[in-house]
Amino acid sequence: MAKKPDSFYFDNYVACADLAVQAAELLTKIFENFDPAQIHDMLEEMHAIEHAADKKHHELEDALLTAFITPLEREDLDLMSCALDTVLDRIEGVVQRVYFTNIQSIHPDAIVIAHKVTDACRAMKDLMVELPNYRKSKTLRELVIQINTIESEADELYINAMRNLHVNGKDPLEVIAWRDVYAFLEYCADCCENVADVVDSIVMKNS
């Protein structure tokens, strides 16, 4: 196999982050225009995006197996790829839980958190675009902080949503279902922050 240029790895990350943005935007669309009769079709659409991200992840892992020289440590390159892939897995996980718990309507709190997840994914994509310039970038750290801030805001929204759910929820099964959905929404934001943490670690190792 021919040696991959350094840009292959960074382009792969941008492509995965772009798929995360697509997934987050689809999630928000599903919530804002919710139709229980369409949720299976929406889950299939989400899975197609997640599957495309899996392919990018495997392409990078295959390249690492045969690479002699890489632009960063192999472990860091793989860690970044895994972190990005997990974001897609968690977003798909939200829709899976809406589907298999047979949720019939979307709580307004969930829509607000979904928008935060979308904001985090967009900032994460900007971070991946800037990553090749990690040695001299003036905006990389700002993007990391932006993602951390969004994650903190999502945490607050999650806490408030869980409070509203347990105070106002009447149906125990619905409460259980929504606890799971809210948890996965919060995981989405956490996973975006994990990507930012990996970038921080890479910068510190290579400064």
N, C-alpha and C. Protein backbone atom coordinates (compact mmCIF):
# COMPACT_ATOMS: atom_id res chain seq x y z
N MET A 1 0.84 -1.19 0.00
CA MET A 1 0.00 0.00 0.00
C MET A 1 0.88 1.25 0.00
N ALA A 2 0.57 2.20 -0.85
CA ALA A 2 1.36 3.43 -0.93
C ALA A 2 1.24 4.22 0.37
N LYS A 3 2.31 4.92 0.69
CA LYS A 3 2.31 5.75 1.90
C LYS A 3 1.25 6.84 1.79
N LYS A 4 0.49 7.00 2.87
CA LYS A 4 -0.52 8.05 2.90
C LYS A 4 0.15 9.38 3.23
N PRO A 5 -0.22 10.46 2.55
CA PRO A 5 0.31 11.77 2.93
C PRO A 5 -0.23 12.18 4.29
N ASP A 6 0.48 13.08 4.96
CA ASP A 6 0.02 13.53 6.27
C ASP A 6 -1.40 14.07 6.22
N SER A 7 -1.73 14.71 5.11
CA SER A 7 -3.07 15.31 4.99
C SER A 7 -4.18 14.26 5.04
N PHE A 8 -3.86 13.01 4.72
CA PHE A 8 -4.89 11.95 4.75
C PHE A 8 -5.54 11.86 6.12
N TYR A 9 -4.71 11.89 7.17
CA TYR A 9 -5.22 11.73 8.52
C TYR A 9 -6.10 12.91 8.93
N PHE A 10 -5.61 14.11 8.66
CA PHE A 10 -6.37 15.30 9.05
C PHE A 10 -7.64 15.44 8.22
N ASP A 11 -7.57 15.10 6.94
CA ASP A 11 -8.77 15.15 6.09
C ASP A 11 -9.81 14.13 6.57
N ASN A 12 -9.32 12.99 7.02
CA ASN A 12 -10.21 11.96 7.55
C ASN A 12 -10.97 12.48 8.77
N TYR A 13 -10.26 13.20 9.64
CA TYR A 13 -10.90 13.76 10.83
C TYR A 13 -11.96 14.79 10.45
N VAL A 14 -11.65 15.63 9.50
CA VAL A 14 -12.62 16.65 9.06
C VAL A 14 -13.86 15.97 8.48
N ALA A 15 -13.64 14.92 7.70
CA ALA A 15 -14.78 14.20 7.11
C ALA A 15 -15.65 13.57 8.20
N CYS A 16 -15.02 13.00 9.21
CA CYS A 16 -15.78 12.40 10.31
C CYS A 16 -16.54 13.46 11.10
N ALA A 17 -15.89 14.59 11.35
CA ALA A 17 -16.55 15.68 12.07
C ALA A 17 -17.72 16.23 11.27
N ASP A 18 -17.55 16.29 9.95
CA ASP A 18 -18.65 16.76 9.10
C ASP A 18 -19.84 15.79 9.18
N LEU A 19 -19.56 14.51 9.23
CA LEU A 19 -20.63 13.53 9.39
C LEU A 19 -21.31 13.68 10.75
N ALA A 20 -20.54 14.04 11.77
CA ALA A 20 -21.13 14.30 13.09
C ALA A 20 -22.08 15.50 13.03
N VAL A 21 -21.68 16.54 12.31
CA VAL A 21 -22.57 17.69 12.13
C VAL A 21 -23.85 17.27 11.42
N GLN A 22 -23.71 16.47 10.36
CA GLN A 22 -24.89 15.99 9.64
C GLN A 22 -25.81 15.19 10.57
N ALA A 23 -25.21 14.34 11.40
CA ALA A 23 -26.00 13.53 12.33
C ALA A 23 -26.71 14.39 13.36
N ALA A 24 -26.01 15.38 13.90
CA ALA A 24 -26.61 16.26 14.91
C ALA A 24 -27.73 17.09 14.30
N GLU A 25 -27.53 17.56 13.08
CA GLU A 25 -28.58 18.34 12.42
C GLU A 25 -29.80 17.46 12.12
N LEU A 26 -29.56 16.21 11.75
CA LEU A 26 -30.67 15.29 11.52
C LEU A 26 -31.41 15.02 12.82
N LEU A 27 -30.67 14.83 13.91
CA LEU A 27 -31.30 14.63 15.22
C LEU A 27 -32.21 15.79 15.58
N THR A 28 -31.72 17.01 15.40
CA THR A 28 -32.52 18.19 15.69
C THR A 28 -33.76 18.25 14.80
N LYS A 29 -33.58 17.92 13.54
CA LYS A 29 -34.72 17.89 12.60
C LYS A 29 -35.77 16.86 13.05
N ILE A 30 -35.30 15.69 13.45
CA ILE A 30 -36.22 14.64 13.92
C ILE A 30 -37.03 15.15 15.11
N PHE A 31 -36.35 15.79 16.05
CA PHE A 31 -37.03 16.28 17.25
C PHE A 31 -38.00 17.41 16.94
N GLU A 32 -37.58 18.33 16.09
CA GLU A 32 -38.42 19.50 15.80
C GLU A 32 -39.64 19.15 14.95
N ASN A 33 -39.53 18.12 14.13
CA ASN A 33 -40.62 17.72 13.23
C ASN A 33 -41.05 16.29 13.53
N PHE A 34 -41.19 15.98 14.81
CA PHE A 34 -41.31 14.59 15.21
C PHE A 34 -42.61 13.95 14.73
N ASP A 35 -42.44 12.78 14.13
CA ASP A 35 -43.56 11.96 13.67
C ASP A 35 -43.25 10.52 14.05
N PRO A 36 -43.94 9.97 15.05
CA PRO A 36 -43.64 8.59 15.48
C PRO A 36 -43.72 7.58 14.34
N ALA A 37 -44.57 7.85 13.36
CA ALA A 37 -44.72 6.92 12.24
C ALA A 37 -43.49 6.89 11.34
N GLN A 38 -42.67 7.95 11.41
CA GLN A 38 -41.49 8.06 10.55
C GLN A 38 -40.18 7.72 11.27
N ILE A 39 -40.26 7.38 12.56
CA ILE A 39 -39.02 7.26 13.33
C ILE A 39 -38.13 6.11 12.83
N HIS A 40 -38.72 5.02 12.34
CA HIS A 40 -37.89 3.93 11.82
C HIS A 40 -37.11 4.39 10.59
N ASP A 41 -37.77 5.12 9.70
CA ASP A 41 -37.08 5.63 8.51
C ASP A 41 -35.98 6.61 8.90
N MET A 42 -36.25 7.44 9.91
CA MET A 42 -35.25 8.39 10.37
C MET A 42 -34.06 7.68 11.01
N LEU A 43 -34.35 6.58 11.71
CA LEU A 43 -33.27 5.78 12.30
C LEU A 43 -32.39 5.18 11.21
N GLU A 44 -33.00 4.73 10.12
CA GLU A 44 -32.23 4.19 9.00
C GLU A 44 -31.35 5.27 8.38
N GLU A 45 -31.90 6.48 8.25
CA GLU A 45 -31.11 7.59 7.70
C GLU A 45 -29.94 7.93 8.62
N MET A 46 -30.20 7.92 9.92
CA MET A 46 -29.12 8.18 10.88
C MET A 46 -28.06 7.09 10.82
N HIS A 47 -28.51 5.85 10.69
CA HIS A 47 -27.55 4.74 10.65
C HIS A 47 -26.64 4.83 9.42
N ALA A 48 -27.18 5.32 8.32
CA ALA A 48 -26.37 5.48 7.11
C ALA A 48 -25.24 6.48 7.35
N ILE A 49 -25.53 7.54 8.08
CA ILE A 49 -24.49 8.53 8.42
C ILE A 49 -23.46 7.89 9.35
N GLU A 50 -23.93 7.18 10.37
CA GLU A 50 -23.02 6.54 11.31
C GLU A 50 -22.15 5.50 10.61
N HIS A 51 -22.73 4.77 9.66
CA HIS A 51 -21.98 3.75 8.91
C HIS A 51 -20.89 4.39 8.06
N ALA A 52 -21.19 5.54 7.48
CA ALA A 52 -20.18 6.27 6.70
C ALA A 52 -19.02 6.69 7.59
N ALA A 53 -19.33 7.09 8.82
CA ALA A 53 -18.27 7.46 9.77
C ALA A 53 -17.44 6.24 10.16
N ASP A 54 -18.10 5.11 10.36
CA ASP A 54 -17.38 3.87 10.66
C ASP A 54 -16.38 3.53 9.55
N LYS A 55 -16.79 3.71 8.31
CA LYS A 55 -15.90 3.43 7.17
C LYS A 55 -14.67 4.33 7.22
N LYS A 56 -14.87 5.62 7.52
CA LYS A 56 -13.73 6.54 7.63
C LYS A 56 -12.80 6.10 8.76
N HIS A 57 -13.38 5.68 9.87
CA HIS A 57 -12.59 5.22 11.01
C HIS A 57 -11.75 4.00 10.62
N HIS A 58 -12.35 3.05 9.92
CA HIS A 58 -11.62 1.84 9.51
C HIS A 58 -10.55 2.16 8.47
N GLU A 59 -10.83 3.11 7.59
CA GLU A 59 -9.82 3.53 6.61
C GLU A 59 -8.58 4.06 7.32
N LEU A 60 -8.79 4.86 8.36
CA LEU A 60 -7.65 5.41 9.09
C LEU A 60 -6.90 4.31 9.83
N GLU A 61 -7.63 3.40 10.45
CA GLU A 61 -6.96 2.32 11.17
C GLU A 61 -6.16 1.44 10.21
N ASP A 62 -6.71 1.17 9.03
CA ASP A 62 -5.97 0.39 8.03
C ASP A 62 -4.69 1.09 7.61
N ALA A 63 -4.76 2.41 7.45
CA ALA A 63 -3.58 3.18 7.08
C ALA A 63 -2.52 3.13 8.17
N LEU A 64 -2.96 3.19 9.43
CA LEU A 64 -2.01 3.15 10.55
C LEU A 64 -1.28 1.82 10.63
N LEU A 65 -1.95 0.75 10.25
CA LEU A 65 -1.34 -0.58 10.32
C LEU A 65 -0.14 -0.71 9.40
N THR A 66 -0.13 0.03 8.31
CA THR A 66 0.94 -0.11 7.32
C THR A 66 1.86 1.11 7.24
N ALA A 67 1.52 2.16 7.99
CA ALA A 67 2.31 3.40 7.91
C ALA A 67 3.66 3.23 8.60
N PHE A 68 4.69 3.77 7.99
CA PHE A 68 6.03 3.76 8.58
C PHE A 68 6.27 5.04 9.37
N ILE A 69 5.89 6.16 8.79
CA ILE A 69 6.01 7.46 9.45
C ILE A 69 4.64 8.12 9.44
N THR A 70 4.24 8.68 10.58
CA THR A 70 2.95 9.35 10.70
C THR A 70 3.15 10.76 11.24
N PRO A 71 2.21 11.68 10.97
CA PRO A 71 2.39 13.07 11.39
C PRO A 71 2.31 13.27 12.89
N LEU A 72 1.66 12.35 13.59
CA LEU A 72 1.58 12.35 15.05
C LEU A 72 1.80 10.91 15.52
N GLU A 73 1.92 10.73 16.83
CA GLU A 73 2.05 9.37 17.35
C GLU A 73 0.86 8.52 16.92
N ARG A 74 1.12 7.26 16.58
CA ARG A 74 0.05 6.38 16.14
C ARG A 74 -1.08 6.31 17.16
N GLU A 75 -0.70 6.21 18.43
CA GLU A 75 -1.71 6.09 19.48
C GLU A 75 -2.62 7.32 19.50
N ASP A 76 -2.04 8.49 19.28
CA ASP A 76 -2.84 9.72 19.28
C ASP A 76 -3.75 9.79 18.05
N LEU A 77 -3.23 9.38 16.92
CA LEU A 77 -4.04 9.37 15.70
C LEU A 77 -5.23 8.43 15.85
N ASP A 78 -4.98 7.26 16.43
CA ASP A 78 -6.07 6.29 16.63
C ASP A 78 -7.05 6.79 17.69
N LEU A 79 -6.52 7.39 18.75
CA LEU A 79 -7.38 7.91 19.82
C LEU A 79 -8.33 8.98 19.29
N MET A 80 -7.81 9.85 18.44
CA MET A 80 -8.65 10.90 17.86
C MET A 80 -9.75 10.28 16.98
N SER A 81 -9.38 9.31 16.18
CA SER A 81 -10.35 8.67 15.30
C SER A 81 -11.45 7.98 16.12
N CYS A 82 -11.05 7.29 17.18
CA CYS A 82 -12.03 6.62 18.05
C CYS A 82 -12.95 7.63 18.73
N ALA A 83 -12.37 8.76 19.17
CA ALA A 83 -13.17 9.78 19.85
C ALA A 83 -14.23 10.36 18.91
N LEU A 84 -13.84 10.62 17.68
CA LEU A 84 -14.79 11.14 16.69
C LEU A 84 -15.87 10.11 16.38
N ASP A 85 -15.47 8.86 16.23
CA ASP A 85 -16.43 7.81 15.92
C ASP A 85 -17.45 7.65 17.04
N THR A 86 -17.01 7.82 18.27
CA THR A 86 -17.91 7.68 19.41
C THR A 86 -18.99 8.76 19.41
N VAL A 87 -18.66 9.96 18.96
CA VAL A 87 -19.67 11.02 18.86
C VAL A 87 -20.83 10.54 17.98
N LEU A 88 -20.50 9.97 16.82
CA LEU A 88 -21.54 9.46 15.90
C LEU A 88 -22.34 8.35 16.54
N ASP A 89 -21.65 7.45 17.25
CA ASP A 89 -22.34 6.34 17.91
C ASP A 89 -23.36 6.85 18.92
N ARG A 90 -22.97 7.87 19.68
CA ARG A 90 -23.87 8.40 20.72
C ARG A 90 -25.07 9.12 20.11
N ILE A 91 -24.85 9.86 19.03
CA ILE A 91 -25.98 10.55 18.39
C ILE A 91 -26.96 9.52 17.84
N GLU A 92 -26.44 8.49 17.19
CA GLU A 92 -27.33 7.43 16.72
C GLU A 92 -28.05 6.78 17.89
N GLY A 93 -27.34 6.65 19.01
CA GLY A 93 -27.93 6.03 20.20
C GLY A 93 -29.15 6.77 20.72
N VAL A 94 -29.17 8.08 20.57
CA VAL A 94 -30.34 8.86 20.98
C VAL A 94 -31.56 8.42 20.17
N VAL A 95 -31.41 8.37 18.86
CA VAL A 95 -32.53 8.01 17.99
C VAL A 95 -32.95 6.56 18.22
N GLN A 96 -31.99 5.69 18.45
CA GLN A 96 -32.32 4.29 18.75
C GLN A 96 -33.22 4.20 19.97
N ARG A 97 -32.92 4.99 20.99
CA ARG A 97 -33.71 4.93 22.22
C ARG A 97 -35.10 5.53 22.04
N VAL A 98 -35.19 6.57 21.24
CA VAL A 98 -36.51 7.11 20.91
C VAL A 98 -37.34 6.04 20.20
N TYR A 99 -36.68 5.28 19.34
CA TYR A 99 -37.37 4.24 18.57
C TYR A 99 -37.79 3.06 19.44
N PHE A 100 -36.84 2.47 20.17
CA PHE A 100 -37.21 1.22 20.84
C PHE A 100 -37.97 1.41 22.15
N THR A 101 -38.03 2.64 22.69
CA THR A 101 -38.91 2.91 23.83
C THR A 101 -40.27 3.44 23.37
N ASN A 102 -40.44 3.56 22.05
CA ASN A 102 -41.72 3.95 21.46
C ASN A 102 -42.21 5.31 21.96
N ILE A 103 -41.30 6.26 22.04
CA ILE A 103 -41.68 7.62 22.43
C ILE A 103 -42.62 8.21 21.38
N GLN A 104 -43.67 8.88 21.85
CA GLN A 104 -44.71 9.38 20.96
C GLN A 104 -44.67 10.89 20.76
N SER A 105 -43.97 11.60 21.62
CA SER A 105 -43.84 13.05 21.47
C SER A 105 -42.53 13.48 22.11
N ILE A 106 -42.00 14.60 21.65
CA ILE A 106 -40.69 15.07 22.09
C ILE A 106 -40.84 16.20 23.09
N HIS A 107 -40.15 16.08 24.22
CA HIS A 107 -40.16 17.14 25.22
C HIS A 107 -39.38 18.35 24.70
N PRO A 108 -39.85 19.55 24.97
CA PRO A 108 -39.13 20.75 24.52
C PRO A 108 -37.68 20.80 25.02
N ASP A 109 -37.44 20.30 26.24
CA ASP A 109 -36.06 20.30 26.77
C ASP A 109 -35.11 19.52 25.86
N ALA A 110 -35.61 18.45 25.25
CA ALA A 110 -34.76 17.62 24.39
C ALA A 110 -34.34 18.38 23.14
N ILE A 111 -35.24 19.20 22.62
CA ILE A 111 -34.93 19.99 21.42
C ILE A 111 -33.82 20.99 21.73
N VAL A 112 -33.90 21.61 22.90
CA VAL A 112 -32.88 22.59 23.29
C VAL A 112 -31.51 21.92 23.42
N ILE A 113 -31.48 20.74 24.05
CA ILE A 113 -30.20 20.03 24.20
C ILE A 113 -29.68 19.57 22.85
N ALA A 114 -30.57 19.14 21.97
CA ALA A 114 -30.14 18.72 20.62
C ALA A 114 -29.47 19.87 19.88
N HIS A 115 -29.98 21.08 20.06
CA HIS A 115 -29.33 22.24 19.44
C HIS A 115 -27.93 22.45 20.01
N LYS A 116 -27.76 22.21 21.31
CA LYS A 116 -26.42 22.34 21.92
C LYS A 116 -25.47 21.28 21.35
N VAL A 117 -25.98 20.09 21.16
CA VAL A 117 -25.15 19.03 20.56
C VAL A 117 -24.72 19.43 19.16
N THR A 118 -25.64 20.03 18.41
CA THR A 118 -25.30 20.50 17.06
C THR A 118 -24.23 21.59 17.12
N ASP A 119 -24.38 22.52 18.06
CA ASP A 119 -23.36 23.57 18.24
C ASP A 119 -22.00 22.95 18.55
N ALA A 120 -21.99 21.95 19.42
CA ALA A 120 -20.74 21.30 19.80
C ALA A 120 -20.10 20.60 18.60
N CYS A 121 -20.91 19.95 17.79
CA CYS A 121 -20.39 19.24 16.61
C CYS A 121 -19.83 20.22 15.58
N ARG A 122 -20.49 21.36 15.41
CA ARG A 122 -19.98 22.36 14.47
C ARG A 122 -18.64 22.92 14.95
N ALA A 123 -18.54 23.18 16.25
CA ALA A 123 -17.26 23.66 16.80
C ALA A 123 -16.19 22.58 16.68
N MET A 124 -16.60 21.34 16.86
CA MET A 124 -15.67 20.21 16.73
C MET A 124 -15.14 20.11 15.30
N LYS A 125 -16.01 20.33 14.32
CA LYS A 125 -15.54 20.32 12.93
C LYS A 125 -14.54 21.45 12.70
N ASP A 126 -14.83 22.64 13.20
CA ASP A 126 -13.88 23.76 13.08
C ASP A 126 -12.54 23.39 13.71
N LEU A 127 -12.61 22.68 14.84
CA LEU A 127 -11.40 22.24 15.53
C LEU A 127 -10.58 21.29 14.65
N MET A 128 -11.25 20.37 13.98
CA MET A 128 -10.55 19.42 13.11
C MET A 128 -9.94 20.12 11.89
N VAL A 129 -10.64 21.12 11.37
CA VAL A 129 -10.09 21.90 10.25
C VAL A 129 -8.81 22.60 10.67
N GLU A 130 -8.77 23.06 11.92
CA GLU A 130 -7.61 23.82 12.41
C GLU A 130 -6.49 22.91 12.92
N LEU A 131 -6.79 21.65 13.19
CA LEU A 131 -5.81 20.75 13.82
C LEU A 131 -4.47 20.65 13.09
N PRO A 132 -4.41 20.61 11.75
CA PRO A 132 -3.10 20.52 11.10
C PRO A 132 -2.16 21.67 11.46
N ASN A 133 -2.71 22.78 11.92
CA ASN A 133 -1.89 23.94 12.29
C ASN A 133 -1.60 23.99 13.78
N TYR A 134 -1.65 22.82 14.45
CA TYR A 134 -1.59 22.79 15.91
C TYR A 134 -0.34 23.45 16.49
N ARG A 135 0.76 23.47 15.75
CA ARG A 135 2.00 24.04 16.29
C ARG A 135 1.96 25.56 16.37
N LYS A 136 1.20 26.20 15.48
CA LYS A 136 1.23 27.67 15.43
C LYS A 136 -0.16 28.30 15.43
N SER A 137 -1.18 27.50 15.61
CA SER A 137 -2.55 28.02 15.54
C SER A 137 -2.84 28.99 16.68
N LYS A 138 -3.53 30.07 16.35
CA LYS A 138 -3.96 31.04 17.36
C LYS A 138 -5.41 30.81 17.77
N THR A 139 -6.11 29.92 17.06
CA THR A 139 -7.53 29.69 17.34
C THR A 139 -7.84 28.31 17.90
N LEU A 140 -6.87 27.40 17.86
CA LEU A 140 -7.13 26.03 18.31
C LEU A 140 -7.60 26.00 19.76
N ARG A 141 -6.88 26.72 20.62
CA ARG A 141 -7.24 26.74 22.04
C ARG A 141 -8.61 27.38 22.26
N GLU A 142 -8.91 28.41 21.48
CA GLU A 142 -10.22 29.06 21.59
C GLU A 142 -11.35 28.09 21.25
N LEU A 143 -11.13 27.25 20.25
CA LEU A 143 -12.14 26.28 19.86
C LEU A 143 -12.31 25.20 20.93
N VAL A 144 -11.22 24.79 21.55
CA VAL A 144 -11.31 23.84 22.66
C VAL A 144 -12.15 24.43 23.79
N ILE A 145 -11.88 25.67 24.13
CA ILE A 145 -12.64 26.34 25.20
C ILE A 145 -14.11 26.47 24.81
N GLN A 146 -14.36 26.78 23.54
CA GLN A 146 -15.75 26.90 23.06
C GLN A 146 -16.50 25.59 23.25
N ILE A 147 -15.87 24.48 22.90
CA ILE A 147 -16.51 23.17 23.07
C ILE A 147 -16.73 22.87 24.54
N ASN A 148 -15.74 23.18 25.38
CA ASN A 148 -15.90 22.97 26.82
C ASN A 148 -17.08 23.77 27.37
N THR A 149 -17.22 25.00 26.89
CA THR A 149 -18.32 25.86 27.34
C THR A 149 -19.67 25.29 26.92
N ILE A 150 -19.75 24.85 25.67
CA ILE A 150 -21.01 24.26 25.18
C ILE A 150 -21.36 23.02 25.99
N GLU A 151 -20.35 22.21 26.31
CA GLU A 151 -20.61 21.00 27.09
C GLU A 151 -21.13 21.36 28.48
N SER A 152 -20.57 22.40 29.09
CA SER A 152 -21.05 22.84 30.41
C SER A 152 -22.50 23.32 30.33
N GLU A 153 -22.82 24.03 29.26
CA GLU A 153 -24.20 24.49 29.06
C GLU A 153 -25.14 23.31 28.86
N ALA A 154 -24.68 22.31 28.12
CA ALA A 154 -25.49 21.10 27.92
C ALA A 154 -25.71 20.36 29.23
N ASP A 155 -24.69 20.34 30.10
CA ASP A 155 -24.84 19.73 31.42
C ASP A 155 -25.95 20.39 32.22
N GLU A 156 -25.96 21.73 32.21
CA GLU A 156 -27.00 22.47 32.94
C GLU A 156 -28.39 22.16 32.37
N LEU A 157 -28.48 22.13 31.05
CA LEU A 157 -29.76 21.81 30.42
C LEU A 157 -30.20 20.39 30.77
N TYR A 158 -29.25 19.48 30.82
CA TYR A 158 -29.55 18.08 31.17
C TYR A 158 -30.10 17.99 32.60
N ILE A 159 -29.45 18.67 33.52
CA ILE A 159 -29.90 18.65 34.92
C ILE A 159 -31.32 19.21 35.03
N ASN A 160 -31.57 20.33 34.36
CA ASN A 160 -32.90 20.94 34.40
C ASN A 160 -33.95 20.04 33.75
N ALA A 161 -33.56 19.40 32.64
CA ALA A 161 -34.49 18.50 31.95
C ALA A 161 -34.85 17.30 32.83
N MET A 162 -33.84 16.74 33.51
CA MET A 162 -34.10 15.61 34.39
C MET A 162 -34.98 16.02 35.57
N ARG A 163 -34.75 17.21 36.08
CA ARG A 163 -35.60 17.74 37.16
C ARG A 163 -37.04 17.87 36.69
N ASN A 164 -37.23 18.49 35.53
CA ASN A 164 -38.59 18.64 34.99
C ASN A 164 -39.26 17.29 34.77
N LEU A 165 -38.48 16.34 34.28
CA LEU A 165 -39.02 15.01 34.01
C LEU A 165 -39.54 14.35 35.27
N HIS A 166 -38.75 14.41 36.34
CA HIS A 166 -39.13 13.71 37.57
C HIS A 166 -40.18 14.46 38.37
N VAL A 167 -40.25 15.78 38.21
CA VAL A 167 -41.28 16.56 38.90
C VAL A 167 -42.63 16.44 38.19
N ASN A 168 -42.59 16.48 36.86
CA ASN A 168 -43.84 16.57 36.08
C ASN A 168 -44.27 15.27 35.42
N GLY A 169 -43.37 14.29 35.35
CA GLY A 169 -43.71 13.04 34.67
C GLY A 169 -44.78 12.25 35.42
N LYS A 170 -45.76 11.78 34.69
CA LYS A 170 -46.88 11.04 35.29
C LYS A 170 -46.79 9.53 35.02
N ASP A 171 -46.26 9.18 33.87
CA ASP A 171 -46.18 7.78 33.45
C ASP A 171 -44.78 7.24 33.76
N PRO A 172 -44.66 6.27 34.68
CA PRO A 172 -43.33 5.75 35.04
C PRO A 172 -42.53 5.23 33.85
N LEU A 173 -43.21 4.57 32.91
CA LEU A 173 -42.50 4.05 31.74
C LEU A 173 -41.95 5.17 30.87
N GLU A 174 -42.72 6.25 30.75
CA GLU A 174 -42.25 7.39 29.97
C GLU A 174 -41.06 8.06 30.66
N VAL A 175 -41.12 8.15 31.98
CA VAL A 175 -40.00 8.73 32.73
C VAL A 175 -38.73 7.91 32.50
N ILE A 176 -38.86 6.59 32.58
CA ILE A 176 -37.70 5.72 32.37
C ILE A 176 -37.14 5.90 30.96
N ALA A 177 -38.03 5.96 29.97
CA ALA A 177 -37.59 6.12 28.59
C ALA A 177 -36.85 7.44 28.40
N TRP A 178 -37.40 8.51 28.94
CA TRP A 178 -36.78 9.81 28.75
C TRP A 178 -35.48 9.97 29.53
N ARG A 179 -35.38 9.30 30.67
CA ARG A 179 -34.10 9.33 31.40
C ARG A 179 -32.99 8.80 30.51
N ASP A 180 -33.28 7.73 29.78
CA ASP A 180 -32.28 7.13 28.89
C ASP A 180 -31.96 8.06 27.72
N VAL A 181 -32.98 8.67 27.13
CA VAL A 181 -32.76 9.58 26.01
C VAL A 181 -31.94 10.79 26.45
N TYR A 182 -32.32 11.38 27.58
CA TYR A 182 -31.57 12.54 28.08
C TYR A 182 -30.12 12.17 28.39
N ALA A 183 -29.92 10.98 28.96
CA ALA A 183 -28.55 10.56 29.27
C ALA A 183 -27.71 10.48 28.00
N PHE A 184 -28.28 9.94 26.93
CA PHE A 184 -27.52 9.82 25.68
C PHE A 184 -27.30 11.19 25.03
N LEU A 185 -28.26 12.09 25.17
CA LEU A 185 -28.03 13.45 24.67
C LEU A 185 -26.85 14.09 25.39
N GLU A 186 -26.78 13.87 26.69
CA GLU A 186 -25.67 14.43 27.47
C GLU A 186 -24.36 13.75 27.09
N TYR A 187 -24.40 12.44 26.82
CA TYR A 187 -23.20 11.74 26.37
C TYR A 187 -22.66 12.36 25.08
N CYS A 188 -23.57 12.78 24.19
CA CYS A 188 -23.14 13.38 22.92
C CYS A 188 -22.25 14.59 23.17
N ALA A 189 -22.70 15.47 24.06
CA ALA A 189 -21.91 16.66 24.38
C ALA A 189 -20.60 16.27 25.07
N ASP A 190 -20.66 15.28 25.97
CA ASP A 190 -19.45 14.81 26.64
C ASP A 190 -18.43 14.28 25.63
N CYS A 191 -18.91 13.57 24.62
CA CYS A 191 -18.01 12.99 23.63
C CYS A 191 -17.34 14.06 22.77
N CYS A 192 -18.08 15.14 22.48
CA CYS A 192 -17.46 16.27 21.77
C CYS A 192 -16.36 16.89 22.62
N GLU A 193 -16.61 17.00 23.93
CA GLU A 193 -15.58 17.53 24.83
C GLU A 193 -14.37 16.59 24.87
N ASN A 194 -14.61 15.29 24.79
CA ASN A 194 -13.51 14.34 24.78
C ASN A 194 -12.61 14.55 23.57
N VAL A 195 -13.22 14.84 22.41
CA VAL A 195 -12.43 15.16 21.21
C VAL A 195 -11.54 16.37 21.48
N ALA A 196 -12.11 17.40 22.11
CA ALA A 196 -11.34 18.59 22.44
C ALA A 196 -10.20 18.26 23.41
N ASP A 197 -10.46 17.35 24.36
CA ASP A 197 -9.42 16.94 25.31
C ASP A 197 -8.28 16.22 24.60
N VAL A 198 -8.61 15.40 23.61
CA VAL A 198 -7.57 14.71 22.84
C VAL A 198 -6.71 15.72 22.10
N VAL A 199 -7.34 16.74 21.53
CA VAL A 199 -6.57 17.80 20.85
C VAL A 199 -5.65 18.48 21.84
N ASP A 200 -6.15 18.81 23.02
CA ASP A 200 -5.32 19.43 24.06
C ASP A 200 -4.10 18.57 24.36
N SER A 201 -4.32 17.27 24.50
CA SER A 201 -3.22 16.36 24.81
C SER A 201 -2.20 16.32 23.68
N ILE A 202 -2.66 16.30 22.44
CA ILE A 202 -1.76 16.29 21.29
C ILE A 202 -0.90 17.55 21.26
N VAL A 203 -1.53 18.68 21.50
CA VAL A 203 -0.79 19.95 21.48
C VAL A 203 0.28 19.96 22.57
N MET A 204 -0.07 19.50 23.76
CA MET A 204 0.90 19.49 24.87
C MET A 204 2.07 18.56 24.58
N LYS A 205 1.78 17.40 23.98
CA LYS A 205 2.85 16.44 23.67
C LYS A 205 3.80 16.95 22.60
N ASN A 206 3.29 17.77 21.70
CA ASN A 206 4.07 18.18 20.53
C ASN A 206 4.51 19.63 20.56
N SER A 207 4.32 20.29 21.69
CA SER A 207 4.73 21.71 21.79
C SER A 207 6.24 21.80 21.97
